[in-house]
Amino acid sequence: MSNTIFTGVATAIATPMNADGSINYEEFGRMLDFQVENGADGVVICGTTGESATMTDDEHREVLRYGIERIAHRIPVIAGTGSNDTAYAVELSKDAEKLGADALLLVTPYYNKTSQRGLVKHFTAIADSVNIPIVLYNVPSRTGVNISIDAYKELAKHPNIVATKEASGNMDLMMQISAYTDLDIYSGNDDEALCALATGAKGVISVTANCMPKEKHDEIMLFLEGKHAEALELQKKLLAFEKALFMDVNPIPVKEALNIMGFKAGECRLPLCSMTEEQVETLRKAMEPLGLIGSIK
C-alpha cells in the first residue's frame, strides 16, 4: 500500500491578515476554497509561507483547526509543526494529529545548529509521538542546517517518515535520496520542480500555486504523464512570475500578488515588511500577461 500523501501540487498557503495584524479567517476560508476548486492536490497550512514563525501558540492551533475543518477532507492537509525545540514540536504535532491533519511538515531545527546525529534524534522523537505521515523539510538557506544523505537514509527507516520537501537546490542530493531511500520527494522550489521530477520527485510544495494552482498542477501532471515538452512550455510561461515572487523574502511578494488579484491577504507581520513601489510594479508587470490582475472578484 502506498504511503504517498499527494502527487502533483500542494500549495504552501499564505495566511491573510487584517489591517491590525490579526488573522482574517473569513478570507482564509475563501483562499482555501479557491485552492480546492482550482486543482490543488493538497495544502500546507502554517508553513513558511503561512508565517507560522510569528504566530502565537493559540493562533497556530486555531489556524490549523480552521483550515482542516474548512478543507473537510477534500484534499490532504499537511500541517506545519516543526520547531527548533523538539519537545514543542512533539506537542504541536500531536495536537495537529488530534485536529485531523492528514500529514505533518517538519522543518529542520533552526538556530541551534544541531549535528546530523541530533537531526536524526529530533525527527525520530517527533515521528515516534504520532501516527500520521511526516514530510521532512530541508531548507538550509533559512535554517542553516542541511540534511545529509546519511541522515536521510537513517530517517527513511521510520515508518511514519514518508517524504521530504527538498528546498536545498541540490539536485545531486535529490538524486541520492531517490536512489538510496524510498522517501517521496517534493520540490520546495517552484522554478526547480521539473528538475526535481526528473530525479523521481512526486510533485512540488508550491508558493506559485497560491495564485495559479491549476497551472502549476497542470505543469507537474504533464511531466508525470511523459509530456515533457508541454510541461516545459508551461514552466516557461510561469517563470517570470515565479522569479518575481522571490524578488523579496517569501511570503512578502506572494501576499502582494494575492492582494493584486483581489484577495484580502493583507501585509506580512514584522519583521517582514512591504515591498517598495518599484518592486510592486515589477510584480504587476509579471502578473499582467497571465491575466491575474483583478482576477478574483
C-alpha atoms as a PDB file:
ATOM      1  CA  MET A   1       0.000   0.000   0.000  1.00  0.00           C
ATOM      2  CA  SER A   2       1.373   3.421  -0.970  1.00  0.00           C
ATOM      3  CA  ASN A   3       2.220   5.956   1.721  1.00  0.00           C
ATOM      4  CA  THR A   4       2.168   8.796  -0.812  1.00  0.00           C
ATOM      5  CA  ILE A   5       0.404  11.846   0.643  1.00  0.00           C
ATOM      6  CA  PHE A   6      -0.198  13.550  -2.694  1.00  0.00           C
ATOM      7  CA  THR A   7       1.042  13.594  -6.265  1.00  0.00           C
ATOM      8  CA  GLY A   8       1.178  16.927  -8.068  1.00  0.00           C
ATOM      9  CA  VAL A   9       0.960  20.252  -6.239  1.00  0.00           C
ATOM     10  CA  ALA A  10       0.393  21.093  -2.594  1.00  0.00           C
ATOM     11  CA  THR A  11       0.036  24.811  -2.023  1.00  0.00           C
ATOM     12  CA  ALA A  12       2.108  26.362   0.763  1.00  0.00           C
ATOM     13  CA  ILE A  13      -0.751  28.686   1.565  1.00  0.00           C
ATOM     14  CA  ALA A  14      -0.355  32.223   2.842  1.00  0.00           C
ATOM     15  CA  THR A  15      -2.206  33.358   5.946  1.00  0.00           C
ATOM     16  CA  PRO A  16      -4.279  36.502   5.284  1.00  0.00           C
ATOM     17  CA  MET A  17      -4.100  39.289   7.854  1.00  0.00           C
ATOM     18  CA  ASN A  18      -6.420  42.122   8.774  1.00  0.00           C
ATOM     19  CA  ALA A  19      -5.151  45.703   8.936  1.00  0.00           C
ATOM     20  CA  ASP A  20      -4.455  45.329  12.660  1.00  0.00           C
ATOM     21  CA  GLY A  21      -2.303  42.236  12.046  1.00  0.00           C
ATOM     22  CA  SER A  22      -4.895  39.729  13.271  1.00  0.00           C
ATOM     23  CA  ILE A  23      -5.715  36.678  11.158  1.00  0.00           C
ATOM     24  CA  ASN A  24      -8.513  37.119   8.620  1.00  0.00           C
ATOM     25  CA  TYR A  25     -10.245  33.748   8.934  1.00  0.00           C
ATOM     26  CA  GLU A  26     -13.057  34.591   6.540  1.00  0.00           C
ATOM     27  CA  GLU A  27     -10.576  35.346   3.756  1.00  0.00           C
ATOM     28  CA  PHE A  28      -8.506  32.312   4.705  1.00  0.00           C
ATOM     29  CA  GLY A  29     -11.561  30.154   4.066  1.00  0.00           C
ATOM     30  CA  ARG A  30     -12.067  31.830   0.707  1.00  0.00           C
ATOM     31  CA  MET A  31      -8.440  31.182  -0.239  1.00  0.00           C
ATOM     32  CA  LEU A  32      -8.675  27.537   0.810  1.00  0.00           C
ATOM     33  CA  ASP A  33     -11.821  27.043  -1.269  1.00  0.00           C
ATOM     34  CA  PHE A  34     -10.052  28.629  -4.242  1.00  0.00           C
ATOM     35  CA  GLN A  35      -7.313  26.011  -3.928  1.00  0.00           C
ATOM     36  CA  VAL A  36      -9.707  23.075  -3.849  1.00  0.00           C
ATOM     37  CA  GLU A  37     -11.809  24.447  -6.707  1.00  0.00           C
ATOM     38  CA  ASN A  38      -8.790  25.121  -8.931  1.00  0.00           C
ATOM     39  CA  GLY A  39      -6.866  21.877  -8.898  1.00  0.00           C
ATOM     40  CA  ALA A  40      -4.546  21.881  -5.891  1.00  0.00           C
ATOM     41  CA  ASP A  41      -3.695  18.324  -4.838  1.00  0.00           C
ATOM     42  CA  GLY A  42      -3.010  19.307  -1.238  1.00  0.00           C
ATOM     43  CA  VAL A  43      -2.402  22.291   1.010  1.00  0.00           C
ATOM     44  CA  VAL A  44       0.284  23.082   3.573  1.00  0.00           C
ATOM     45  CA  ILE A  45      -1.037  25.196   6.441  1.00  0.00           C
ATOM     46  CA  CYS A  46       1.274  27.037   8.855  1.00  0.00           C
ATOM     47  CA  GLY A  47       4.389  26.573   6.786  1.00  0.00           C
ATOM     48  CA  THR A  48       6.961  29.250   5.979  1.00  0.00           C
ATOM     49  CA  THR A  49       4.589  30.934   3.513  1.00  0.00           C
ATOM     50  CA  GLY A  50       1.885  30.866   6.190  1.00  0.00           C
ATOM     51  CA  GLU A  51       4.045  32.953   8.569  1.00  0.00           C
ATOM     52  CA  SER A  52       3.959  30.345  11.315  1.00  0.00           C
ATOM     53  CA  ALA A  53       7.144  31.846  12.776  1.00  0.00           C
ATOM     54  CA  THR A  54       5.226  34.911  14.001  1.00  0.00           C
ATOM     55  CA  MET A  55       2.085  33.133  15.199  1.00  0.00           C
ATOM     56  CA  THR A  56       1.299  32.655  18.854  1.00  0.00           C
ATOM     57  CA  ASP A  57       0.746  29.095  20.051  1.00  0.00           C
ATOM     58  CA  ASP A  58      -3.005  29.682  20.155  1.00  0.00           C
ATOM     59  CA  GLU A  59      -3.044  31.184  16.650  1.00  0.00           C
ATOM     60  CA  HIS A  60      -1.042  28.280  15.234  1.00  0.00           C
ATOM     61  CA  ARG A  61      -3.503  25.745  16.563  1.00  0.00           C
ATOM     62  CA  GLU A  62      -6.549  27.801  15.596  1.00  0.00           C
ATOM     63  CA  VAL A  63      -5.336  28.317  12.019  1.00  0.00           C
ATOM     64  CA  LEU A  64      -4.748  24.576  11.720  1.00  0.00           C
ATOM     65  CA  ARG A  65      -8.154  23.786  13.206  1.00  0.00           C
ATOM     66  CA  TYR A  66      -9.951  26.243  10.950  1.00  0.00           C
ATOM     67  CA  GLY A  67      -8.089  25.101   7.833  1.00  0.00           C
ATOM     68  CA  ILE A  68      -8.618  21.399   8.472  1.00  0.00           C
ATOM     69  CA  GLU A  69     -12.339  21.928   9.062  1.00  0.00           C
ATOM     70  CA  ARG A  70     -12.712  24.181   6.009  1.00  0.00           C
ATOM     71  CA  ILE A  71     -10.944  21.728   3.687  1.00  0.00           C
ATOM     72  CA  ALA A  72     -13.138  18.941   5.101  1.00  0.00           C
ATOM     73  CA  HIS A  73     -11.151  16.088   3.547  1.00  0.00           C
ATOM     74  CA  ARG A  74     -11.498  17.417   0.006  1.00  0.00           C
ATOM     75  CA  ILE A  75      -7.690  17.371  -0.384  1.00  0.00           C
ATOM     76  CA  PRO A  76      -4.927  16.400   2.066  1.00  0.00           C
ATOM     77  CA  VAL A  77      -3.948  18.972   4.698  1.00  0.00           C
ATOM     78  CA  ILE A  78      -0.286  18.974   5.691  1.00  0.00           C
ATOM     79  CA  ALA A  79       0.262  20.825   8.969  1.00  0.00           C
ATOM     80  CA  GLY A  80       3.482  22.708   9.583  1.00  0.00           C
ATOM     81  CA  THR A  81       4.517  21.720  13.106  1.00  0.00           C
ATOM     82  CA  GLY A  82       8.295  21.982  13.006  1.00  0.00           C
ATOM     83  CA  SER A  83      10.344  23.775  15.657  1.00  0.00           C
ATOM     84  CA  ASN A  84      13.896  24.073  16.922  1.00  0.00           C
ATOM     85  CA  ASP A  85      12.556  22.837  20.268  1.00  0.00           C
ATOM     86  CA  THR A  86      11.960  19.098  19.942  1.00  0.00           C
ATOM     87  CA  ALA A  87       9.570  18.921  22.905  1.00  0.00           C
ATOM     88  CA  TYR A  88       7.441  21.739  21.482  1.00  0.00           C
ATOM     89  CA  ALA A  89       7.413  20.137  18.011  1.00  0.00           C
ATOM     90  CA  VAL A  90       6.211  16.889  19.592  1.00  0.00           C
ATOM     91  CA  GLU A  91       3.417  18.729  21.426  1.00  0.00           C
ATOM     92  CA  LEU A  92       2.308  20.682  18.350  1.00  0.00           C
ATOM     93  CA  SER A  93       2.483  17.608  16.117  1.00  0.00           C
ATOM     94  CA  LYS A  94       0.306  15.605  18.476  1.00  0.00           C
ATOM     95  CA  ASP A  95      -2.210  18.454  18.577  1.00  0.00           C
ATOM     96  CA  ALA A  96      -2.270  18.670  14.752  1.00  0.00           C
ATOM     97  CA  GLU A  97      -2.949  14.933  14.569  1.00  0.00           C
ATOM     98  CA  LYS A  98      -5.861  15.308  17.017  1.00  0.00           C
ATOM     99  CA  LEU A  99      -7.229  18.195  14.924  1.00  0.00           C
ATOM    100  CA  GLY A 100      -7.370  15.892  11.891  1.00  0.00           C
ATOM    101  CA  ALA A 101      -4.292  16.816   9.838  1.00  0.00           C
ATOM    102  CA  ASP A 102      -3.504  14.259   7.143  1.00  0.00           C
ATOM    103  CA  ALA A 103       0.260  14.722   7.472  1.00  0.00           C
ATOM    104  CA  LEU A 104       2.927  16.906   9.074  1.00  0.00           C
ATOM    105  CA  LEU A 105       5.666  19.109   7.621  1.00  0.00           C
ATOM    106  CA  LEU A 106       8.744  19.262   9.868  1.00  0.00           C
ATOM    107  CA  VAL A 107      11.424  21.824   9.121  1.00  0.00           C
ATOM    108  CA  THR A 108      14.994  21.229  10.268  1.00  0.00           C
ATOM    109  CA  PRO A 109      15.739  22.867  13.644  1.00  0.00           C
ATOM    110  CA  TYR A 110      16.990  26.412  13.096  1.00  0.00           C
ATOM    111  CA  TYR A 111      19.481  28.475  15.127  1.00  0.00           C
ATOM    112  CA  ASN A 112      20.507  25.576  17.425  1.00  0.00           C
ATOM    113  CA  LYS A 113      22.671  24.274  14.558  1.00  0.00           C
ATOM    114  CA  THR A 114      22.432  20.628  15.542  1.00  0.00           C
ATOM    115  CA  SER A 115      24.599  17.794  14.217  1.00  0.00           C
ATOM    116  CA  GLN A 116      23.325  15.180  11.777  1.00  0.00           C
ATOM    117  CA  ARG A 117      23.035  12.774  14.713  1.00  0.00           C
ATOM    118  CA  GLY A 118      20.951  15.390  16.513  1.00  0.00           C
ATOM    119  CA  LEU A 119      18.744  15.801  13.431  1.00  0.00           C
ATOM    120  CA  VAL A 120      18.006  12.091  13.373  1.00  0.00           C
ATOM    121  CA  LYS A 121      17.167  12.082  17.088  1.00  0.00           C
ATOM    122  CA  HIS A 122      14.972  15.199  16.714  1.00  0.00           C
ATOM    123  CA  PHE A 123      12.890  13.895  13.814  1.00  0.00           C
ATOM    124  CA  THR A 124      12.690  10.399  15.283  1.00  0.00           C
ATOM    125  CA  ALA A 125      11.325  11.731  18.577  1.00  0.00           C
ATOM    126  CA  ILE A 126       8.550  13.561  16.722  1.00  0.00           C
ATOM    127  CA  ALA A 127       7.813  10.613  14.438  1.00  0.00           C
ATOM    128  CA  ASP A 128       7.552   8.312  17.462  1.00  0.00           C
ATOM    129  CA  SER A 129       4.913  10.585  19.010  1.00  0.00           C
ATOM    130  CA  VAL A 130       2.344  10.498  16.177  1.00  0.00           C
ATOM    131  CA  ASN A 131       0.608   8.061  13.846  1.00  0.00           C
ATOM    132  CA  ILE A 132       0.319  10.159  10.676  1.00  0.00           C
ATOM    133  CA  PRO A 133       2.782  10.590   7.800  1.00  0.00           C
ATOM    134  CA  ILE A 134       5.647  13.064   8.050  1.00  0.00           C
ATOM    135  CA  VAL A 135       7.280  15.200   5.357  1.00  0.00           C
ATOM    136  CA  LEU A 136      10.753  16.381   6.295  1.00  0.00           C
ATOM    137  CA  TYR A 137      11.623  19.916   5.172  1.00  0.00           C
ATOM    138  CA  ASN A 138      15.186  20.649   4.142  1.00  0.00           C
ATOM    139  CA  VAL A 139      15.717  24.377   3.580  1.00  0.00           C
ATOM    140  CA  PRO A 140      19.275  25.241   4.636  1.00  0.00           C
ATOM    141  CA  SER A 141      19.052  28.802   3.292  1.00  0.00           C
ATOM    142  CA  ARG A 142      16.584  29.553   6.112  1.00  0.00           C
ATOM    143  CA  THR A 143      17.720  27.224   8.883  1.00  0.00           C
ATOM    144  CA  GLY A 144      21.479  26.922   8.450  1.00  0.00           C
ATOM    145  CA  VAL A 145      21.151  23.116   8.613  1.00  0.00           C
ATOM    146  CA  ASN A 146      21.246  20.633   5.743  1.00  0.00           C
ATOM    147  CA  ILE A 147      20.040  17.030   5.953  1.00  0.00           C
ATOM    148  CA  SER A 148      22.836  14.778   4.717  1.00  0.00           C
ATOM    149  CA  ILE A 149      22.180  11.689   2.644  1.00  0.00           C
ATOM    150  CA  ASP A 150      23.315   9.508   5.556  1.00  0.00           C
ATOM    151  CA  ALA A 151      20.746  11.174   7.821  1.00  0.00           C
ATOM    152  CA  TYR A 152      18.100  10.732   5.141  1.00  0.00           C
ATOM    153  CA  LYS A 153      18.923   7.024   4.905  1.00  0.00           C
ATOM    154  CA  GLU A 154      18.507   6.623   8.652  1.00  0.00           C
ATOM    155  CA  LEU A 155      15.295   8.675   8.847  1.00  0.00           C
ATOM    156  CA  ALA A 156      13.738   6.802   5.928  1.00  0.00           C
ATOM    157  CA  LYS A 157      13.707   3.669   8.084  1.00  0.00           C
ATOM    158  CA  HIS A 158      11.000   5.152  10.300  1.00  0.00           C
ATOM    159  CA  PRO A 159       7.530   4.056   9.113  1.00  0.00           C
ATOM    160  CA  ASN A 160       5.994   7.492   9.729  1.00  0.00           C
ATOM    161  CA  ILE A 161       8.644   9.436   7.789  1.00  0.00           C
ATOM    162  CA  VAL A 162       7.494   9.038   4.205  1.00  0.00           C
ATOM    163  CA  ALA A 163       8.625  12.118   2.259  1.00  0.00           C
ATOM    164  CA  THR A 164      10.815  15.178   2.071  1.00  0.00           C
ATOM    165  CA  LYS A 165      10.328  18.707   0.818  1.00  0.00           C
ATOM    166  CA  GLU A 166      13.732  19.435  -0.690  1.00  0.00           C
ATOM    167  CA  ALA A 167      14.490  23.156  -0.947  1.00  0.00           C
ATOM    168  CA  SER A 168      18.267  22.891  -0.806  1.00  0.00           C
ATOM    169  CA  GLY A 169      18.582  23.384  -4.561  1.00  0.00           C
ATOM    170  CA  ASN A 170      20.996  20.446  -4.569  1.00  0.00           C
ATOM    171  CA  MET A 171      19.958  18.145  -7.414  1.00  0.00           C
ATOM    172  CA  ASP A 172      22.733  15.691  -6.586  1.00  0.00           C
ATOM    173  CA  LEU A 173      21.294  15.260  -3.088  1.00  0.00           C
ATOM    174  CA  MET A 174      17.822  14.858  -4.564  1.00  0.00           C
ATOM    175  CA  MET A 175      19.104  12.143  -6.896  1.00  0.00           C
ATOM    176  CA  GLN A 176      20.734  10.345  -3.972  1.00  0.00           C
ATOM    177  CA  ILE A 177      17.507  10.487  -1.943  1.00  0.00           C
ATOM    178  CA  SER A 178      15.724   8.936  -4.911  1.00  0.00           C
ATOM    179  CA  ALA A 179      18.388   6.272  -5.384  1.00  0.00           C
ATOM    180  CA  TYR A 180      19.087   5.287  -1.785  1.00  0.00           C
ATOM    181  CA  THR A 181      15.763   5.747   0.067  1.00  0.00           C
ATOM    182  CA  ASP A 182      12.082   5.071  -0.539  1.00  0.00           C
ATOM    183  CA  LEU A 183      11.064   8.594   0.503  1.00  0.00           C
ATOM    184  CA  ASP A 184       8.720  10.537  -1.755  1.00  0.00           C
ATOM    185  CA  ILE A 185      10.391  13.754  -2.892  1.00  0.00           C
ATOM    186  CA  TYR A 186       8.680  17.115  -3.330  1.00  0.00           C
ATOM    187  CA  SER A 187      10.496  20.106  -4.733  1.00  0.00           C
ATOM    188  CA  GLY A 188      10.464  23.043  -2.342  1.00  0.00           C
ATOM    189  CA  ASN A 189      11.294  25.500  -5.120  1.00  0.00           C
ATOM    190  CA  ASP A 190       8.794  26.231  -7.887  1.00  0.00           C
ATOM    191  CA  ASP A 191      11.406  27.000 -10.527  1.00  0.00           C
ATOM    192  CA  GLU A 192      13.194  23.684  -9.850  1.00  0.00           C
ATOM    193  CA  ALA A 193      10.090  21.493  -9.930  1.00  0.00           C
ATOM    194  CA  LEU A 194      10.708  19.953 -13.349  1.00  0.00           C
ATOM    195  CA  CYS A 195      14.345  19.254 -12.447  1.00  0.00           C
ATOM    196  CA  ALA A 196      13.146  17.520  -9.288  1.00  0.00           C
ATOM    197  CA  LEU A 197      10.630  15.445 -11.247  1.00  0.00           C
ATOM    198  CA  ALA A 198      13.463  14.263 -13.462  1.00  0.00           C
ATOM    199  CA  THR A 199      15.113  12.753 -10.350  1.00  0.00           C
ATOM    200  CA  GLY A 200      11.907  10.938  -9.413  1.00  0.00           C
ATOM    201  CA  ALA A 201      10.019  13.542  -7.367  1.00  0.00           C
ATOM    202  CA  LYS A 202       6.236  13.226  -6.977  1.00  0.00           C
ATOM    203  CA  GLY A 203       5.498  16.948  -7.171  1.00  0.00           C
ATOM    204  CA  VAL A 204       6.087  20.350  -5.616  1.00  0.00           C
ATOM    205  CA  ILE A 205       5.073  22.189  -2.469  1.00  0.00           C
ATOM    206  CA  SER A 206       4.396  25.461  -4.184  1.00  0.00           C
ATOM    207  CA  VAL A 207       4.234  29.190  -3.470  1.00  0.00           C
ATOM    208  CA  THR A 208       3.141  29.969  -7.045  1.00  0.00           C
ATOM    209  CA  ALA A 209       0.050  27.820  -6.566  1.00  0.00           C
ATOM    210  CA  ASN A 210      -1.355  30.385  -4.139  1.00  0.00           C
ATOM    211  CA  CYS A 211      -2.195  32.348  -7.284  1.00  0.00           C
ATOM    212  CA  MET A 212      -2.169  29.695 -10.026  1.00  0.00           C
ATOM    213  CA  PRO A 213      -2.970  26.251  -8.594  1.00  0.00           C
ATOM    214  CA  LYS A 214      -4.429  24.876 -11.818  1.00  0.00           C
ATOM    215  CA  GLU A 215      -1.478  25.918 -13.967  1.00  0.00           C
ATOM    216  CA  LYS A 216       1.092  24.549 -11.516  1.00  0.00           C
ATOM    217  CA  HIS A 217      -0.877  21.308 -11.175  1.00  0.00           C
ATOM    218  CA  ASP A 218      -1.034  21.007 -14.969  1.00  0.00           C
ATOM    219  CA  GLU A 219       2.709  21.583 -15.313  1.00  0.00           C
ATOM    220  CA  ILE A 220       3.519  18.765 -12.897  1.00  0.00           C
ATOM    221  CA  MET A 221       0.982  16.309 -14.278  1.00  0.00           C
ATOM    222  CA  LEU A 222       2.039  16.925 -17.879  1.00  0.00           C
ATOM    223  CA  PHE A 223       5.596  15.985 -16.941  1.00  0.00           C
ATOM    224  CA  LEU A 224       4.499  12.916 -14.984  1.00  0.00           C
ATOM    225  CA  GLU A 225       2.403  11.836 -17.998  1.00  0.00           C
ATOM    226  CA  GLY A 226       5.526  11.974 -20.172  1.00  0.00           C
ATOM    227  CA  LYS A 227       4.529  15.203 -21.952  1.00  0.00           C
ATOM    228  CA  HIS A 228       7.823  16.850 -21.117  1.00  0.00           C
ATOM    229  CA  ALA A 229       7.845  19.463 -23.868  1.00  0.00           C
ATOM    230  CA  GLU A 230       4.375  20.690 -22.919  1.00  0.00           C
ATOM    231  CA  ALA A 231       5.321  20.840 -19.245  1.00  0.00           C
ATOM    232  CA  LEU A 232       8.420  22.850 -20.118  1.00  0.00           C
ATOM    233  CA  GLU A 233       6.426  25.320 -22.188  1.00  0.00           C
ATOM    234  CA  LEU A 234       4.073  25.898 -19.274  1.00  0.00           C
ATOM    235  CA  GLN A 235       7.019  26.378 -16.911  1.00  0.00           C
ATOM    236  CA  LYS A 236       8.492  28.939 -19.299  1.00  0.00           C
ATOM    237  CA  LYS A 237       5.174  30.802 -19.279  1.00  0.00           C
ATOM    238  CA  LEU A 238       5.197  30.943 -15.460  1.00  0.00           C
ATOM    239  CA  LEU A 239       8.905  31.615 -14.998  1.00  0.00           C
ATOM    240  CA  ALA A 240       8.912  35.424 -14.937  1.00  0.00           C
ATOM    241  CA  PHE A 241       6.093  35.429 -12.395  1.00  0.00           C
ATOM    242  CA  GLU A 242       7.830  32.818 -10.259  1.00  0.00           C
ATOM    243  CA  LYS A 243      11.030  34.847 -10.268  1.00  0.00           C
ATOM    244  CA  ALA A 244       9.035  37.939  -9.262  1.00  0.00           C
ATOM    245  CA  LEU A 245       7.518  36.003  -6.345  1.00  0.00           C
ATOM    246  CA  PHE A 246      11.012  35.623  -4.911  1.00  0.00           C
ATOM    247  CA  MET A 247      12.421  39.104  -5.572  1.00  0.00           C
ATOM    248  CA  ASP A 248      11.945  39.663  -1.847  1.00  0.00           C
ATOM    249  CA  VAL A 249      11.672  37.308   1.116  1.00  0.00           C
ATOM    250  CA  ASN A 250       8.794  34.833   0.867  1.00  0.00           C
ATOM    251  CA  PRO A 251       5.896  35.382   1.605  1.00  0.00           C
ATOM    252  CA  ILE A 252       6.138  39.156   1.053  1.00  0.00           C
ATOM    253  CA  PRO A 253       5.692  39.071  -2.763  1.00  0.00           C
ATOM    254  CA  VAL A 254       3.044  36.331  -2.856  1.00  0.00           C
ATOM    255  CA  LYS A 255       0.841  38.178  -0.360  1.00  0.00           C
ATOM    256  CA  GLU A 256       1.157  41.289  -2.520  1.00  0.00           C
ATOM    257  CA  ALA A 257       0.281  39.203  -5.588  1.00  0.00           C
ATOM    258  CA  LEU A 258      -2.806  37.842  -3.829  1.00  0.00           C
ATOM    259  CA  ASN A 259      -3.840  41.406  -2.973  1.00  0.00           C
ATOM    260  CA  ILE A 260      -3.384  42.443  -6.601  1.00  0.00           C
ATOM    261  CA  MET A 261      -5.552  39.505  -7.685  1.00  0.00           C
ATOM    262  CA  GLY A 262      -8.354  40.647  -5.410  1.00  0.00           C
ATOM    263  CA  PHE A 263      -7.894  38.572  -2.276  1.00  0.00           C
ATOM    264  CA  LYS A 264      -7.612  40.374   1.060  1.00  0.00           C
ATOM    265  CA  ALA A 265      -4.281  38.846   2.019  1.00  0.00           C
ATOM    266  CA  GLY A 266      -3.062  41.959   3.816  1.00  0.00           C
ATOM    267  CA  GLU A 267       0.543  42.521   4.770  1.00  0.00           C
ATOM    268  CA  CYS A 268       3.097  40.310   6.483  1.00  0.00           C
ATOM    269  CA  ARG A 269       3.856  40.611  10.161  1.00  0.00           C
ATOM    270  CA  LEU A 270       7.095  42.280  11.170  1.00  0.00           C
ATOM    271  CA  PRO A 271       9.984  41.737  10.806  1.00  0.00           C
ATOM    272  CA  LEU A 272       8.786  41.120   7.232  1.00  0.00           C
ATOM    273  CA  CYS A 273       7.725  44.381   5.618  1.00  0.00           C
ATOM    274  CA  SER A 274       6.072  45.505   2.385  1.00  0.00           C
ATOM    275  CA  MET A 275       7.936  45.754  -0.917  1.00  0.00           C
ATOM    276  CA  THR A 276       8.959  49.038  -2.487  1.00  0.00           C
ATOM    277  CA  GLU A 277       6.752  50.668  -5.112  1.00  0.00           C
ATOM    278  CA  GLU A 278       9.292  49.675  -7.772  1.00  0.00           C
ATOM    279  CA  GLN A 279       9.114  46.021  -6.693  1.00  0.00           C
ATOM    280  CA  VAL A 280       5.316  46.062  -6.716  1.00  0.00           C
ATOM    281  CA  GLU A 281       5.372  47.454 -10.257  1.00  0.00           C
ATOM    282  CA  THR A 282       7.758  44.678 -11.340  1.00  0.00           C
ATOM    283  CA  LEU A 283       5.403  42.127  -9.816  1.00  0.00           C
ATOM    284  CA  ARG A 284       2.368  43.626 -11.576  1.00  0.00           C
ATOM    285  CA  LYS A 285       4.198  43.513 -14.922  1.00  0.00           C
ATOM    286  CA  ALA A 286       4.904  39.806 -14.403  1.00  0.00           C
ATOM    287  CA  MET A 287       1.264  39.146 -13.464  1.00  0.00           C
ATOM    288  CA  GLU A 288      -0.377  41.085 -16.291  1.00  0.00           C
ATOM    289  CA  PRO A 289       0.357  38.636 -19.171  1.00  0.00           C
ATOM    290  CA  LEU A 290      -1.092  35.823 -17.059  1.00  0.00           C
ATOM    291  CA  GLY A 291      -4.394  37.621 -16.552  1.00  0.00           C
ATOM    292  CA  LEU A 292      -4.008  37.692 -12.778  1.00  0.00           C
ATOM    293  CA  ILE A 293      -4.607  41.366 -12.055  1.00  0.00           C
ATOM    294  CA  GLY A 294      -8.067  41.751 -10.520  1.00  0.00           C
ATOM    295  CA  SER A 295      -8.939  38.165 -11.441  1.00  0.00           C
ATOM    296  CA  ILE A 296     -10.670  37.478  -8.086  1.00  0.00           C
ATOM    297  CA  LYS A 297     -13.981  39.254  -7.666  1.00  0.00           C
END
